[in-house]
Amino acid sequence: MQLANFRGWRVHHTRTVQVGKNHFTPVVGDRGFVDLVMVHPAYGCIFVELKTDRGRVSQHQVDWLDLLEKTGMEVHVWRPQNWDEITARLASPPARFELPSTD
């Protein structure tokens, strides 16, 4: 998130809370929404699920990622091992991104 902010991205992240041994995200809505929504005026909008190198993407998360992607959104599952990809993406628009016309 710090790198994204440094590169000019606006970032939304809903933090999980721990109660006993359980973790949950206290939000209203369908389960499994992504961890980060990031928007940059020149580089687009990204929906990101963050996982550890061994973390498993739940079916609820897969459902959200698939739906977002089907509607044309850029989605990622990022892990620490993806750091080079992450830093590259935060520094430039994706290949398919087109800036709106100024006509």
PDB file of N, CA and C in Angstrom:
ATOM      1  N   MET A   1       0.828  -1.181   0.000  1.00  0.00           N
ATOM      2  CA  MET A   1       0.000   0.000   0.000  1.00  0.00           C
ATOM      3  C   MET A   1       0.876   1.250   0.000  1.00  0.00           C
ATOM      4  N   GLN A   2       1.993   1.206   0.710  1.00  0.00           N
ATOM      5  CA  GLN A   2       2.881   2.367   0.728  1.00  0.00           C
ATOM      6  C   GLN A   2       3.461   2.628  -0.654  1.00  0.00           C
ATOM      7  N   LEU A   3       3.872   1.574  -1.352  1.00  0.00           N
ATOM      8  CA  LEU A   3       4.404   1.745  -2.707  1.00  0.00           C
ATOM      9  C   LEU A   3       3.328   2.293  -3.633  1.00  0.00           C
ATOM     10  N   ALA A   4       2.120   1.779  -3.530  1.00  0.00           N
ATOM     11  CA  ALA A   4       1.023   2.264  -4.366  1.00  0.00           C
ATOM     12  C   ALA A   4       0.780   3.751  -4.109  1.00  0.00           C
ATOM     13  N   ASN A   5       0.704   4.141  -2.855  1.00  0.00           N
ATOM     14  CA  ASN A   5       0.514   5.559  -2.527  1.00  0.00           C
ATOM     15  C   ASN A   5       1.660   6.406  -3.059  1.00  0.00           C
ATOM     16  N   PHE A   6       2.877   5.924  -2.916  1.00  0.00           N
ATOM     17  CA  PHE A   6       4.050   6.642  -3.413  1.00  0.00           C
ATOM     18  C   PHE A   6       3.974   6.855  -4.920  1.00  0.00           C
ATOM     19  N   ARG A   7       3.401   5.881  -5.621  1.00  0.00           N
ATOM     20  CA  ARG A   7       3.284   5.969  -7.078  1.00  0.00           C
ATOM     21  C   ARG A   7       2.001   6.663  -7.524  1.00  0.00           C
ATOM     22  N   GLY A   8       1.240   7.242  -6.592  1.00  0.00           N
ATOM     23  CA  GLY A   8       0.080   8.038  -6.956  1.00  0.00           C
ATOM     24  C   GLY A   8      -1.247   7.307  -6.979  1.00  0.00           C
ATOM     25  N   TRP A   9      -1.300   6.072  -6.488  1.00  0.00           N
ATOM     26  CA  TRP A   9      -2.536   5.312  -6.447  1.00  0.00           C
ATOM     27  C   TRP A   9      -3.344   5.689  -5.217  1.00  0.00           C
ATOM     28  N   ARG A  10      -4.669   5.705  -5.351  1.00  0.00           N
ATOM     29  CA  ARG A  10      -5.574   5.778  -4.201  1.00  0.00           C
ATOM     30  C   ARG A  10      -5.893   4.334  -3.850  1.00  0.00           C
ATOM     31  N   VAL A  11      -5.842   4.002  -2.564  1.00  0.00           N
ATOM     32  CA  VAL A  11      -5.970   2.608  -2.139  1.00  0.00           C
ATOM     33  C   VAL A  11      -7.067   2.471  -1.089  1.00  0.00           C
ATOM     34  N   HIS A  12      -7.925   1.471  -1.283  1.00  0.00           N
ATOM     35  CA  HIS A  12      -8.904   1.102  -0.262  1.00  0.00           C
ATOM     36  C   HIS A  12      -8.572  -0.310   0.208  1.00  0.00           C
ATOM     37  N   HIS A  13      -8.490  -0.475   1.517  1.00  0.00           N
ATOM     38  CA  HIS A  13      -8.225  -1.785   2.111  1.00  0.00           C
ATOM     39  C   HIS A  13      -9.094  -1.942   3.347  1.00  0.00           C
ATOM     40  N   THR A  14      -9.823  -3.032   3.422  1.00  0.00           N
ATOM     41  CA  THR A  14     -10.613  -3.338   4.598  1.00  0.00           C
ATOM     42  C   THR A  14      -9.850  -4.374   5.406  1.00  0.00           C
ATOM     43  N   ARG A  15      -9.495  -4.001   6.619  1.00  0.00           N
ATOM     44  CA  ARG A  15      -8.673  -4.877   7.453  1.00  0.00           C
ATOM     45  C   ARG A  15      -9.523  -5.942   8.131  1.00  0.00           C
ATOM     46  N   THR A  16      -8.925  -7.107   8.313  1.00  0.00           N
ATOM     47  CA  THR A  16      -9.583  -8.163   9.068  1.00  0.00           C
ATOM     48  C   THR A  16      -9.351  -7.930  10.558  1.00  0.00           C
ATOM     49  N   VAL A  17     -10.205  -8.520  11.350  1.00  0.00           N
ATOM     50  CA  VAL A  17     -10.028  -8.478  12.802  1.00  0.00           C
ATOM     51  C   VAL A  17      -9.940  -9.912  13.306  1.00  0.00           C
ATOM     52  N   GLN A  18      -9.290 -10.062  14.448  1.00  0.00           N
ATOM     53  CA  GLN A  18      -9.147 -11.378  15.040  1.00  0.00           C
ATOM     54  C   GLN A  18      -9.936 -11.435  16.332  1.00  0.00           C
ATOM     55  N   VAL A  19     -10.759 -12.473  16.443  1.00  0.00           N
ATOM     56  CA  VAL A  19     -11.499 -12.744  17.660  1.00  0.00           C
ATOM     57  C   VAL A  19     -11.154 -14.177  18.048  1.00  0.00           C
ATOM     58  N   GLY A  20     -10.400 -14.295  19.107  1.00  0.00           N
ATOM     59  CA  GLY A  20      -9.892 -15.619  19.469  1.00  0.00           C
ATOM     60  C   GLY A  20      -8.940 -16.104  18.402  1.00  0.00           C
ATOM     61  N   LYS A  21      -9.213 -17.278  17.863  1.00  0.00           N
ATOM     62  CA  LYS A  21      -8.370 -17.832  16.795  1.00  0.00           C
ATOM     63  C   LYS A  21      -8.934 -17.557  15.403  1.00  0.00           C
ATOM     64  N   ASN A  22     -10.083 -16.900  15.346  1.00  0.00           N
ATOM     65  CA  ASN A  22     -10.750 -16.662  14.072  1.00  0.00           C
ATOM     66  C   ASN A  22     -10.476 -15.258  13.547  1.00  0.00           C
ATOM     67  N   HIS A  23     -10.359 -15.139  12.212  1.00  0.00           N
ATOM     68  CA  HIS A  23     -10.208 -13.847  11.543  1.00  0.00           C
ATOM     69  C   HIS A  23     -11.450 -13.610  10.693  1.00  0.00           C
ATOM     70  N   PHE A  24     -11.932 -12.388  10.694  1.00  0.00           N
ATOM     71  CA  PHE A  24     -13.044 -12.052   9.808  1.00  0.00           C
ATOM     72  C   PHE A  24     -12.994 -10.565   9.480  1.00  0.00           C
ATOM     73  N   THR A  25     -13.721 -10.203   8.420  1.00  0.00           N
ATOM     74  CA  THR A  25     -13.800  -8.812   7.984  1.00  0.00           C
ATOM     75  C   THR A  25     -15.215  -8.322   8.260  1.00  0.00           C
ATOM     76  N   PRO A  26     -15.345  -7.353   9.165  1.00  0.00           N
ATOM     77  CA  PRO A  26     -16.682  -6.893   9.555  1.00  0.00           C
ATOM     78  C   PRO A  26     -17.283  -5.919   8.544  1.00  0.00           C
ATOM     79  N   VAL A  27     -17.796  -6.462   7.439  1.00  0.00           N
ATOM     80  CA  VAL A  27     -18.450  -5.644   6.419  1.00  0.00           C
ATOM     81  C   VAL A  27     -19.812  -6.240   6.107  1.00  0.00           C
ATOM     82  N   VAL A  28     -20.644  -5.436   5.468  1.00  0.00           N
ATOM     83  CA  VAL A  28     -21.952  -5.904   5.030  1.00  0.00           C
ATOM     84  C   VAL A  28     -21.861  -6.158   3.533  1.00  0.00           C
ATOM     85  N   GLY A  29     -22.388  -7.265   3.083  1.00  0.00           N
ATOM     86  CA  GLY A  29     -22.373  -7.580   1.662  1.00  0.00           C
ATOM     87  C   GLY A  29     -21.966  -9.028   1.451  1.00  0.00           C
ATOM     88  N   ASP A  30     -21.797  -9.382   0.195  1.00  0.00           N
ATOM     89  CA  ASP A  30     -21.424 -10.750  -0.139  1.00  0.00           C
ATOM     90  C   ASP A  30     -20.007 -11.045   0.328  1.00  0.00           C
ATOM     91  N   ARG A  31     -19.802 -12.238   0.820  1.00  0.00           N
ATOM     92  CA  ARG A  31     -18.503 -12.654   1.339  1.00  0.00           C
ATOM     93  C   ARG A  31     -17.458 -12.747   0.243  1.00  0.00           C
ATOM     94  N   GLY A  32     -16.192 -12.542   0.630  1.00  0.00           N
ATOM     95  CA  GLY A  32     -15.075 -12.800  -0.259  1.00  0.00           C
ATOM     96  C   GLY A  32     -14.573 -11.640  -1.080  1.00  0.00           C
ATOM     97  N   PHE A  33     -15.066 -10.412  -0.827  1.00  0.00           N
ATOM     98  CA  PHE A  33     -14.601  -9.285  -1.632  1.00  0.00           C
ATOM     99  C   PHE A  33     -13.096  -9.112  -1.477  1.00  0.00           C
ATOM    100  N   VAL A  34     -12.459  -8.578  -2.498  1.00  0.00           N
ATOM    101  CA  VAL A  34     -11.005  -8.463  -2.555  1.00  0.00           C
ATOM    102  C   VAL A  34     -10.442  -7.594  -1.438  1.00  0.00           C
ATOM    103  N   ASP A  35      -9.142  -7.769  -1.184  1.00  0.00           N
ATOM    104  CA  ASP A  35      -8.455  -7.015  -0.125  1.00  0.00           C
ATOM    105  C   ASP A  35      -8.202  -5.564  -0.488  1.00  0.00           C
ATOM    106  N   LEU A  36      -7.839  -5.313  -1.739  1.00  0.00           N
ATOM    107  CA  LEU A  36      -7.475  -3.961  -2.161  1.00  0.00           C
ATOM    108  C   LEU A  36      -8.244  -3.549  -3.405  1.00  0.00           C
ATOM    109  N   VAL A  37      -8.650  -2.287  -3.428  1.00  0.00           N
ATOM    110  CA  VAL A  37      -9.128  -1.636  -4.644  1.00  0.00           C
ATOM    111  C   VAL A  37      -8.221  -0.430  -4.808  1.00  0.00           C
ATOM    112  N   MET A  38      -7.535  -0.357  -5.941  1.00  0.00           N
ATOM    113  CA  MET A  38      -6.581   0.725  -6.184  1.00  0.00           C
ATOM    114  C   MET A  38      -6.928   1.430  -7.485  1.00  0.00           C
ATOM    115  N   VAL A  39      -6.883   2.769  -7.455  1.00  0.00           N
ATOM    116  CA  VAL A  39      -7.235   3.566  -8.631  1.00  0.00           C
ATOM    117  C   VAL A  39      -6.143   4.595  -8.871  1.00  0.00           C
ATOM    118  N   HIS A  40      -5.743   4.718 -10.128  1.00  0.00           N
ATOM    119  CA  HIS A  40      -4.740   5.709 -10.537  1.00  0.00           C
ATOM    120  C   HIS A  40      -5.293   6.445 -11.757  1.00  0.00           C
ATOM    121  N   PRO A  41      -5.167   7.777 -11.799  1.00  0.00           N
ATOM    122  CA  PRO A  41      -5.766   8.525 -12.910  1.00  0.00           C
ATOM    123  C   PRO A  41      -5.202   8.161 -14.281  1.00  0.00           C
ATOM    124  N   ALA A  42      -3.982   7.685 -14.345  1.00  0.00           N
ATOM    125  CA  ALA A  42      -3.387   7.323 -15.639  1.00  0.00           C
ATOM    126  C   ALA A  42      -3.240   5.823 -15.831  1.00  0.00           C
ATOM    127  N   TYR A  43      -3.320   5.046 -14.738  1.00  0.00           N
ATOM    128  CA  TYR A  43      -3.007   3.614 -14.821  1.00  0.00           C
ATOM    129  C   TYR A  43      -4.192   2.704 -14.589  1.00  0.00           C
ATOM    130  N   GLY A  44      -5.379   3.263 -14.340  1.00  0.00           N
ATOM    131  CA  GLY A  44      -6.572   2.446 -14.230  1.00  0.00           C
ATOM    132  C   GLY A  44      -6.959   2.047 -12.828  1.00  0.00           C
ATOM    133  N   CYS A  45      -7.776   0.996 -12.755  1.00  0.00           N
ATOM    134  CA  CYS A  45      -8.319   0.482 -11.497  1.00  0.00           C
ATOM    135  C   CYS A  45      -7.967  -0.996 -11.392  1.00  0.00           C
ATOM    136  N   ILE A  46      -7.521  -1.394 -10.213  1.00  0.00           N
ATOM    137  CA  ILE A  46      -7.105  -2.774  -9.972  1.00  0.00           C
ATOM    138  C   ILE A  46      -7.821  -3.306  -8.736  1.00  0.00           C
ATOM    139  N   PHE A  47      -8.292  -4.538  -8.820  1.00  0.00           N
ATOM    140  CA  PHE A  47      -8.860  -5.256  -7.685  1.00  0.00           C
ATOM    141  C   PHE A  47      -7.876  -6.372  -7.336  1.00  0.00           C
ATOM    142  N   VAL A  48      -7.420  -6.411  -6.083  1.00  0.00           N
ATOM    143  CA  VAL A  48      -6.352  -7.337  -5.699  1.00  0.00           C
ATOM    144  C   VAL A  48      -6.728  -8.140  -4.462  1.00  0.00           C
ATOM    145  N   GLU A  49      -6.537  -9.437  -4.554  1.00  0.00           N
ATOM    146  CA  GLU A  49      -6.607 -10.315  -3.388  1.00  0.00           C
ATOM    147  C   GLU A  49      -5.165 -10.593  -2.968  1.00  0.00           C
ATOM    148  N   LEU A  50      -4.865 -10.353  -1.707  1.00  0.00           N
ATOM    149  CA  LEU A  50      -3.522 -10.568  -1.176  1.00  0.00           C
ATOM    150  C   LEU A  50      -3.465 -11.906  -0.448  1.00  0.00           C
ATOM    151  N   LYS A  51      -2.426 -12.662  -0.732  1.00  0.00           N
ATOM    152  CA  LYS A  51      -2.245 -13.955  -0.077  1.00  0.00           C
ATOM    153  C   LYS A  51      -0.784 -14.144   0.286  1.00  0.00           C
ATOM    154  N   THR A  52      -0.548 -14.947   1.313  1.00  0.00           N
ATOM    155  CA  THR A  52       0.807 -15.376   1.602  1.00  0.00           C
ATOM    156  C   THR A  52       1.209 -16.348   0.493  1.00  0.00           C
ATOM    157  N   ASP A  53       2.475 -16.749   0.466  1.00  0.00           N
ATOM    158  CA  ASP A  53       2.904 -17.685  -0.569  1.00  0.00           C
ATOM    159  C   ASP A  53       2.154 -19.014  -0.508  1.00  0.00           C
ATOM    160  N   ARG A  54       1.656 -19.364   0.654  1.00  0.00           N
ATOM    161  CA  ARG A  54       0.903 -20.616   0.806  1.00  0.00           C
ATOM    162  C   ARG A  54      -0.597 -20.392   0.948  1.00  0.00           C
ATOM    163  N   GLY A  55      -1.038 -19.141   0.991  1.00  0.00           N
ATOM    164  CA  GLY A  55      -2.447 -18.841   1.234  1.00  0.00           C
ATOM    165  C   GLY A  55      -3.362 -19.363   0.138  1.00  0.00           C
ATOM    166  N   ARG A  56      -4.542 -19.776   0.539  1.00  0.00           N
ATOM    167  CA  ARG A  56      -5.517 -20.349  -0.383  1.00  0.00           C
ATOM    168  C   ARG A  56      -6.598 -19.316  -0.687  1.00  0.00           C
ATOM    169  N   VAL A  57      -6.958 -19.202  -1.946  1.00  0.00           N
ATOM    170  CA  VAL A  57      -8.050 -18.325  -2.360  1.00  0.00           C
ATOM    171  C   VAL A  57      -9.351 -19.101  -2.148  1.00  0.00           C
ATOM    172  N   SER A  58     -10.251 -18.536  -1.336  1.00  0.00           N
ATOM    173  CA  SER A  58     -11.511 -19.229  -1.047  1.00  0.00           C
ATOM    174  C   SER A  58     -12.441 -19.196  -2.264  1.00  0.00           C
ATOM    175  N   GLN A  59     -13.447 -20.042  -2.249  1.00  0.00           N
ATOM    176  CA  GLN A  59     -14.403 -20.056  -3.352  1.00  0.00           C
ATOM    177  C   GLN A  59     -15.146 -18.725  -3.441  1.00  0.00           C
ATOM    178  N   HIS A  60     -15.464 -18.108  -2.300  1.00  0.00           N
ATOM    179  CA  HIS A  60     -16.113 -16.797  -2.314  1.00  0.00           C
ATOM    180  C   HIS A  60     -15.223 -15.761  -3.001  1.00  0.00           C
ATOM    181  N   GLN A  61     -13.923 -15.826  -2.745  1.00  0.00           N
ATOM    182  CA  GLN A  61     -12.987 -14.898  -3.376  1.00  0.00           C
ATOM    183  C   GLN A  61     -12.860 -15.169  -4.866  1.00  0.00           C
ATOM    184  N   VAL A  62     -12.803 -16.433  -5.245  1.00  0.00           N
ATOM    185  CA  VAL A  62     -12.766 -16.806  -6.666  1.00  0.00           C
ATOM    186  C   VAL A  62     -14.005 -16.272  -7.374  1.00  0.00           C
ATOM    187  N   ASP A  63     -15.156 -16.400  -6.743  1.00  0.00           N
ATOM    188  CA  ASP A  63     -16.400 -15.918  -7.351  1.00  0.00           C
ATOM    189  C   ASP A  63     -16.326 -14.410  -7.619  1.00  0.00           C
ATOM    190  N   TRP A  64     -15.850 -13.630  -6.634  1.00  0.00           N
ATOM    191  CA  TRP A  64     -15.705 -12.184  -6.830  1.00  0.00           C
ATOM    192  C   TRP A  64     -14.701 -11.877  -7.940  1.00  0.00           C
ATOM    193  N   LEU A  65     -13.537 -12.520  -7.900  1.00  0.00           N
ATOM    194  CA  LEU A  65     -12.506 -12.251  -8.911  1.00  0.00           C
ATOM    195  C   LEU A  65     -13.023 -12.571 -10.309  1.00  0.00           C
ATOM    196  N   ASP A  66     -13.700 -13.711 -10.448  1.00  0.00           N
ATOM    197  CA  ASP A  66     -14.248 -14.096 -11.758  1.00  0.00           C
ATOM    198  C   ASP A  66     -15.287 -13.082 -12.245  1.00  0.00           C
ATOM    199  N   LEU A  67     -16.182 -12.668 -11.367  1.00  0.00           N
ATOM    200  CA  LEU A  67     -17.222 -11.716 -11.752  1.00  0.00           C
ATOM    201  C   LEU A  67     -16.616 -10.371 -12.144  1.00  0.00           C
ATOM    202  N   LEU A  68     -15.670  -9.888 -11.360  1.00  0.00           N
ATOM    203  CA  LEU A  68     -15.012  -8.618 -11.690  1.00  0.00           C
ATOM    204  C   LEU A  68     -14.306  -8.709 -13.045  1.00  0.00           C
ATOM    205  N   GLU A  69     -13.606  -9.810 -13.268  1.00  0.00           N
ATOM    206  CA  GLU A  69     -12.891  -9.978 -14.534  1.00  0.00           C
ATOM    207  C   GLU A  69     -13.865 -10.075 -15.709  1.00  0.00           C
ATOM    208  N   LYS A  70     -14.968 -10.770 -15.532  1.00  0.00           N
ATOM    209  CA  LYS A  70     -15.970 -10.898 -16.597  1.00  0.00           C
ATOM    210  C   LYS A  70     -16.597  -9.555 -16.963  1.00  0.00           C
ATOM    211  N   THR A  71     -16.602  -8.615 -16.039  1.00  0.00           N
ATOM    212  CA  THR A  71     -17.152  -7.288 -16.331  1.00  0.00           C
ATOM    213  C   THR A  71     -16.079  -6.310 -16.800  1.00  0.00           C
ATOM    214  N   GLY A  72     -14.885  -6.829 -17.106  1.00  0.00           N
ATOM    215  CA  GLY A  72     -13.833  -6.001 -17.685  1.00  0.00           C
ATOM    216  C   GLY A  72     -12.850  -5.391 -16.706  1.00  0.00           C
ATOM    217  N   MET A  73     -12.955  -5.745 -15.441  1.00  0.00           N
ATOM    218  CA  MET A  73     -12.049  -5.195 -14.447  1.00  0.00           C
ATOM    219  C   MET A  73     -10.722  -5.958 -14.446  1.00  0.00           C
ATOM    220  N   GLU A  74      -9.672  -5.280 -14.038  1.00  0.00           N
ATOM    221  CA  GLU A  74      -8.367  -5.920 -13.894  1.00  0.00           C
ATOM    222  C   GLU A  74      -8.273  -6.500 -12.489  1.00  0.00           C
ATOM    223  N   VAL A  75      -8.008  -7.800 -12.398  1.00  0.00           N
ATOM    224  CA  VAL A  75      -7.929  -8.469 -11.102  1.00  0.00           C
ATOM    225  C   VAL A  75      -6.602  -9.214 -10.978  1.00  0.00           C
ATOM    226  N   HIS A  76      -6.142  -9.325  -9.734  1.00  0.00           N
ATOM    227  CA  HIS A  76      -4.900 -10.051  -9.444  1.00  0.00           C
ATOM    228  C   HIS A  76      -5.020 -10.770  -8.113  1.00  0.00           C
ATOM    229  N   VAL A  77      -4.299 -11.862  -7.985  1.00  0.00           N
ATOM    230  CA  VAL A  77      -3.992 -12.453  -6.688  1.00  0.00           C
ATOM    231  C   VAL A  77      -2.494 -12.262  -6.540  1.00  0.00           C
ATOM    232  N   TRP A  78      -2.107 -11.431  -5.587  1.00  0.00           N
ATOM    233  CA  TRP A  78      -0.691 -11.111  -5.395  1.00  0.00           C
ATOM    234  C   TRP A  78      -0.178 -11.747  -4.125  1.00  0.00           C
ATOM    235  N   ARG A  79       1.023 -12.313  -4.255  1.00  0.00           N
ATOM    236  CA  ARG A  79       1.723 -12.960  -3.155  1.00  0.00           C
ATOM    237  C   ARG A  79       3.108 -12.324  -3.045  1.00  0.00           C
ATOM    238  N   PRO A  80       3.788 -12.499  -1.904  1.00  0.00           N
ATOM    239  CA  PRO A  80       5.136 -11.920  -1.782  1.00  0.00           C
ATOM    240  C   PRO A  80       6.067 -12.312  -2.927  1.00  0.00           C
ATOM    241  N   GLN A  81       5.917 -13.513  -3.448  1.00  0.00           N
ATOM    242  CA  GLN A  81       6.778 -13.968  -4.550  1.00  0.00           C
ATOM    243  C   GLN A  81       6.526 -13.200  -5.854  1.00  0.00           C
ATOM    244  N   ASN A  82       5.441 -12.421  -5.920  1.00  0.00           N
ATOM    245  CA  ASN A  82       5.105 -11.638  -7.110  1.00  0.00           C
ATOM    246  C   ASN A  82       5.615 -10.207  -7.042  1.00  0.00           C
ATOM    247  N   TRP A  83       6.542  -9.903  -6.127  1.00  0.00           N
ATOM    248  CA  TRP A  83       6.952  -8.517  -5.884  1.00  0.00           C
ATOM    249  C   TRP A  83       7.403  -7.801  -7.158  1.00  0.00           C
ATOM    250  N   ASP A  84       8.175  -8.444  -8.022  1.00  0.00           N
ATOM    251  CA  ASP A  84       8.626  -7.790  -9.258  1.00  0.00           C
ATOM    252  C   ASP A  84       7.446  -7.419 -10.153  1.00  0.00           C
ATOM    253  N   GLU A  85       6.489  -8.321 -10.285  1.00  0.00           N
ATOM    254  CA  GLU A  85       5.276  -8.053 -11.069  1.00  0.00           C
ATOM    255  C   GLU A  85       4.483  -6.895 -10.454  1.00  0.00           C
ATOM    256  N   ILE A  86       4.371  -6.904  -9.134  1.00  0.00           N
ATOM    257  CA  ILE A  86       3.611  -5.865  -8.431  1.00  0.00           C
ATOM    258  C   ILE A  86       4.241  -4.497  -8.658  1.00  0.00           C
ATOM    259  N   THR A  87       5.545  -4.394  -8.463  1.00  0.00           N
ATOM    260  CA  THR A  87       6.205  -3.096  -8.621  1.00  0.00           C
ATOM    261  C   THR A  87       6.120  -2.614 -10.066  1.00  0.00           C
ATOM    262  N   ALA A  88       6.222  -3.529 -11.020  1.00  0.00           N
ATOM    263  CA  ALA A  88       6.109  -3.145 -12.432  1.00  0.00           C
ATOM    264  C   ALA A  88       4.701  -2.644 -12.742  1.00  0.00           C
ATOM    265  N   ARG A  89       3.671  -3.335 -12.246  1.00  0.00           N
ATOM    266  CA  ARG A  89       2.291  -2.919 -12.538  1.00  0.00           C
ATOM    267  C   ARG A  89       1.961  -1.576 -11.914  1.00  0.00           C
ATOM    268  N   LEU A  90       2.443  -1.325 -10.716  1.00  0.00           N
ATOM    269  CA  LEU A  90       2.155  -0.056 -10.065  1.00  0.00           C
ATOM    270  C   LEU A  90       2.872   1.117 -10.709  1.00  0.00           C
ATOM    271  N   ALA A  91       3.830   0.827 -11.586  1.00  0.00           N
ATOM    272  CA  ALA A  91       4.593   1.881 -12.253  1.00  0.00           C
ATOM    273  C   ALA A  91       4.089   2.202 -13.648  1.00  0.00           C
ATOM    274  N   SER A  92       3.112   1.429 -14.161  1.00  0.00           N
ATOM    275  CA  SER A  92       2.671   1.671 -15.536  1.00  0.00           C
ATOM    276  C   SER A  92       1.286   1.078 -15.767  1.00  0.00           C
ATOM    277  N   PRO A  93       0.620   1.551 -16.825  1.00  0.00           N
ATOM    278  CA  PRO A  93      -0.701   0.988 -17.143  1.00  0.00           C
ATOM    279  C   PRO A  93      -0.561  -0.417 -17.716  1.00  0.00           C
ATOM    280  N   PRO A  94      -1.615  -1.232 -17.632  1.00  0.00           N
ATOM    281  CA  PRO A  94      -1.555  -2.554 -18.254  1.00  0.00           C
ATOM    282  C   PRO A  94      -1.561  -2.412 -19.766  1.00  0.00           C
ATOM    283  N   ALA A  95      -1.168  -3.435 -20.442  1.00  0.00           N
ATOM    284  CA  ALA A  95      -1.095  -3.405 -21.907  1.00  0.00           C
ATOM    285  C   ALA A  95      -2.454  -3.094 -22.523  1.00  0.00           C
ATOM    286  N   ARG A  96      -3.547  -3.554 -21.914  1.00  0.00           N
ATOM    287  CA  ARG A  96      -4.871  -3.358 -22.514  1.00  0.00           C
ATOM    288  C   ARG A  96      -5.526  -2.052 -22.114  1.00  0.00           C
ATOM    289  N   PHE A  97      -4.922  -1.292 -21.222  1.00  0.00           N
ATOM    290  CA  PHE A  97      -5.520  -0.050 -20.721  1.00  0.00           C
ATOM    291  C   PHE A  97      -5.395   1.060 -21.751  1.00  0.00           C
ATOM    292  N   GLU A  98      -6.499   1.763 -22.000  1.00  0.00           N
ATOM    293  CA  GLU A  98      -6.486   2.898 -22.910  1.00  0.00           C
ATOM    294  C   GLU A  98      -7.003   4.125 -22.177  1.00  0.00           C
ATOM    295  N   LEU A  99      -6.275   5.211 -22.273  1.00  0.00           N
ATOM    296  CA  LEU A  99      -6.735   6.450 -21.656  1.00  0.00           C
ATOM    297  C   LEU A  99      -7.950   6.963 -22.416  1.00  0.00           C
ATOM    298  N   PRO A 100      -8.896   7.577 -21.728  1.00  0.00           N
ATOM    299  CA  PRO A 100     -10.070   8.124 -22.424  1.00  0.00           C
ATOM    300  C   PRO A 100      -9.668   9.211 -23.416  1.00  0.00           C
ATOM    301  N   SER A 101     -10.435   9.308 -24.474  1.00  0.00           N
ATOM    302  CA  SER A 101     -10.191  10.332 -25.477  1.00  0.00           C
ATOM    303  C   SER A 101     -10.472  11.716 -24.896  1.00  0.00           C
ATOM    304  N   THR A 102      -9.714  12.706 -25.346  1.00  0.00           N
ATOM    305  CA  THR A 102      -9.924  14.083 -24.873  1.00  0.00           C
ATOM    306  C   THR A 102     -10.717  14.892 -25.884  1.00  0.00           C
ATOM    307  N   ASP A 103     -11.351  14.222 -26.857  1.00  0.00           N
ATOM    308  CA  ASP A 103     -12.161  14.917 -27.872  1.00  0.00           C
ATOM    309  C   ASP A 103     -13.385  15.558 -27.281  1.00  0.00           C
TER     310      ASP A 103
END
